[in-house]
Protein backbone atom coordinates (compact mmCIF):
# COMPACT_ATOMS: atom_id res chain seq x y z
CA MET A 1 -10.46 -43.03 124.53
CA THR A 2 -13.79 -40.97 124.52
CA VAL A 3 -13.91 -37.77 122.65
CA SER A 4 -15.43 -34.55 124.21
CA SER A 5 -18.95 -33.21 122.76
CA GLN A 6 -16.98 -29.74 122.69
CA THR A 7 -14.14 -31.49 120.54
CA VAL A 8 -16.87 -33.17 118.10
CA GLU A 9 -18.07 -29.38 117.39
CA GLN A 10 -15.09 -27.92 116.86
CA TYR A 11 -14.07 -30.56 114.28
CA MET A 12 -17.62 -30.17 112.79
CA ALA A 13 -16.95 -26.23 112.32
CA LEU A 14 -13.58 -27.04 110.76
CA LEU A 15 -15.46 -29.07 108.35
CA GLN A 16 -17.82 -26.70 107.39
CA ARG A 17 -15.23 -24.12 107.10
CA PHE A 18 -13.19 -26.34 104.95
CA VAL A 19 -16.42 -27.86 102.72
CA CYS A 20 -17.05 -23.87 102.02
CA LEU A 21 -13.52 -23.01 101.21
CA ARG A 22 -13.22 -21.68 97.72
CA VAL A 23 -9.71 -21.51 97.12
CA ASP A 24 -8.97 -19.39 93.99
CA LEU A 25 -6.33 -20.86 92.39
CA LEU A 26 -4.83 -19.84 88.78
CA LEU A 27 -4.10 -23.20 86.95
CA PRO A 28 -1.49 -23.82 84.85
CA GLU A 29 -2.25 -23.83 80.86
CA HIS A 30 -1.81 -27.51 80.67
CA LEU A 31 -4.56 -27.89 82.90
CA VAL A 32 -6.73 -25.20 81.69
CA ARG A 33 -6.82 -27.15 78.05
CA PHE A 34 -7.53 -30.39 79.82
CA LYS A 35 -10.72 -28.92 81.29
CA GLU A 36 -11.60 -27.65 77.81
CA GLN A 37 -11.26 -30.71 76.19
CA MET A 38 -12.69 -32.67 78.77
CA GLU A 39 -16.12 -30.26 78.40
CA SER A 40 -15.76 -30.73 74.63
CA SER A 41 -15.69 -34.25 74.90
CA ARG A 42 -18.51 -34.54 77.42
CA GLY A 43 -21.57 -35.31 75.56
CA ASN A 44 -23.96 -37.07 77.44
CA ALA A 45 -21.61 -37.98 80.02
CA GLY A 46 -19.12 -36.07 82.35
CA SER A 47 -21.59 -34.58 85.39
CA TRP A 48 -19.85 -32.71 87.93
CA GLU A 49 -19.64 -36.24 90.40
CA ASP A 50 -17.83 -37.69 87.61
CA TYR A 51 -15.15 -35.09 87.74
CA THR A 52 -14.29 -36.16 91.25
CA PHE A 53 -13.67 -39.75 89.87
CA LEU A 54 -11.00 -38.65 87.31
CA PHE A 55 -8.19 -38.12 89.71
CA ARG A 56 -8.88 -41.49 91.05
CA ILE A 57 -9.03 -43.29 87.86
CA PHE A 58 -5.69 -41.84 86.66
CA THR A 59 -4.14 -42.60 89.99
CA ILE A 60 -5.41 -46.45 89.89
CA LEU A 61 -4.27 -46.36 86.01
CA MET A 62 -0.77 -45.12 86.66
CA GLN A 63 -0.40 -47.37 89.97
CA SER A 64 -1.47 -50.73 88.32
CA ASN A 65 1.17 -53.02 86.47
CA THR A 66 -1.42 -54.56 84.38
CA PRO A 67 -4.17 -52.44 82.96
CA PRO A 68 -7.30 -53.17 84.88
CA THR A 69 -11.00 -54.30 83.03
CA MET A 70 -13.67 -52.61 83.53
CA GLY A 71 -14.74 -54.55 86.31
CA GLU A 72 -11.89 -53.94 88.45
CA LEU A 73 -11.95 -50.31 87.70
CA SER A 74 -15.31 -50.33 88.79
CA ALA A 75 -14.60 -52.38 91.87
CA ASN A 76 -11.42 -50.15 92.81
CA LEU A 77 -13.77 -46.88 92.27
CA SER A 78 -17.00 -48.29 94.13
CA LEU A 79 -19.05 -47.09 91.30
CA PRO A 80 -21.61 -49.16 89.40
CA LEU A 81 -20.04 -50.34 86.13
CA SER A 82 -22.52 -48.33 84.28
CA SER A 83 -21.02 -45.13 85.58
CA THR A 84 -17.29 -46.58 85.26
CA THR A 85 -18.39 -47.01 81.68
CA ARG A 86 -19.82 -43.82 81.27
CA ILE A 87 -16.54 -41.74 82.27
CA VAL A 88 -14.34 -44.09 80.63
CA ASP A 89 -16.20 -43.47 77.55
CA TRP A 90 -15.95 -39.69 78.00
CA LEU A 91 -12.18 -40.08 78.75
CA GLU A 92 -11.65 -41.91 75.87
CA ARG A 93 -13.41 -39.59 73.60
CA ALA A 94 -10.92 -36.81 75.37
CA LYS A 95 -8.22 -39.41 74.01
CA PHE A 96 -6.68 -39.54 77.49
CA VAL A 97 -7.55 -43.18 77.86
CA GLU A 98 -8.13 -46.17 75.70
CA ARG A 99 -9.51 -49.98 75.48
CA VAL A 100 -6.83 -52.54 75.10
CA HIS A 101 -7.74 -56.17 74.29
CA ASP A 102 -5.74 -58.64 76.78
CA SER A 103 -2.84 -60.31 75.13
CA HIS A 104 -3.68 -63.48 76.67
CA ASP A 105 -7.48 -63.27 76.28
CA ARG A 106 -9.10 -61.02 73.58
CA ARG A 107 -12.17 -61.01 74.95
CA VAL A 108 -10.92 -59.27 78.19
CA VAL A 109 -10.79 -55.44 77.34
CA ARG A 110 -8.23 -53.29 79.69
CA VAL A 111 -8.36 -49.64 80.57
CA HIS A 112 -4.72 -48.05 79.45
CA THR A 113 -3.85 -44.43 79.37
CA THR A 114 -2.38 -42.86 76.20
CA ALA A 115 0.60 -40.63 76.19
CA GLY A 116 -1.46 -37.54 76.50
CA GLY A 117 -3.36 -38.92 79.74
CA GLU A 118 0.16 -40.13 81.23
CA GLN A 119 1.69 -36.30 80.40
CA LEU A 120 -1.98 -34.74 82.09
CA TYR A 121 -1.63 -37.14 85.43
CA GLN A 122 2.27 -35.87 85.46
CA ILE A 123 1.49 -32.47 85.11
CA GLY A 124 -1.50 -32.65 87.56
CA MET A 125 0.65 -34.08 90.07
CA SER A 126 3.75 -31.73 89.58
CA TYR A 127 0.90 -29.06 90.16
CA ASN A 128 -0.57 -30.43 93.36
CA LYS A 129 2.99 -31.02 94.88
CA GLN A 130 3.57 -27.35 94.53
CA GLN A 131 0.22 -26.35 95.77
CA ILE A 132 1.29 -28.60 98.75
CA ALA A 133 4.51 -27.21 99.02
CA ARG A 134 2.54 -23.58 98.98
CA VAL A 135 0.10 -24.35 101.75
CA LEU A 136 2.64 -26.11 104.24
CA LYS A 137 5.54 -23.14 104.14
CA ASP A 138 4.01 -21.40 106.90
CA PHE A 139 4.19 -24.69 108.88
CA SER A 140 7.21 -25.63 110.68
CA PRO A 141 9.08 -29.00 110.01
CA ASP A 142 7.60 -30.26 113.55
CA GLU A 143 4.21 -29.09 112.29
CA GLN A 144 4.30 -30.62 109.08
CA THR A 145 5.59 -33.82 110.32
CA GLN A 146 2.80 -33.80 112.96
CA LEU A 147 0.15 -32.98 110.38
CA LEU A 148 1.10 -35.70 107.92
CA ARG A 149 1.33 -38.12 110.97
CA LEU A 150 -2.38 -37.17 112.03
CA LEU A 151 -3.73 -37.02 108.53
CA ASN A 152 -2.34 -40.42 107.94
CA LYS A 153 -3.99 -41.80 111.02
CA LEU A 154 -7.55 -40.28 109.89
CA VAL A 155 -7.08 -42.19 106.62
CA ASP A 156 -6.00 -45.37 108.32
CA THR A 157 -9.13 -45.02 110.68
CA PHE A 158 -11.55 -44.56 107.61
CA ILE A 159 -10.02 -47.44 105.85
CA ALA A 160 -10.21 -49.82 108.68
CA GLU A 161 -13.91 -49.01 109.42
CA LYS A 162 -14.66 -50.00 105.50
């Protein structure tokens, strides 16, 4: 199936609108405290780009049956080990993750969420669900289903092209 240049231009315009969008959201107190805690523990780490990996790190940690090693986490993030280590150091200083020795091989160190990290993840997920519900309220049930199907198709295409 071919795509017209007009369609590509329309999608580019939409992408530009989306990238420039600055949604003014009032963050819940827990997320404000998280941001403050992360800023105070920043040290030499924690660039703006690192923030983009925080949700991914928490998602990987919370979905893993066995806490990953630094190498496994680095591979999942598609980041160099040094960058992953810097971000994990930052999260560890903020007391959201900890390094734990493997029970079968003490040479292996795994990254594990703390109770505070788990709580933060759950709060963040709840907040995201509320925001999604707020954004989708103006869509009919059929439009919601169609949007979800199309976004999944888009993500599947990106995954297939990796």
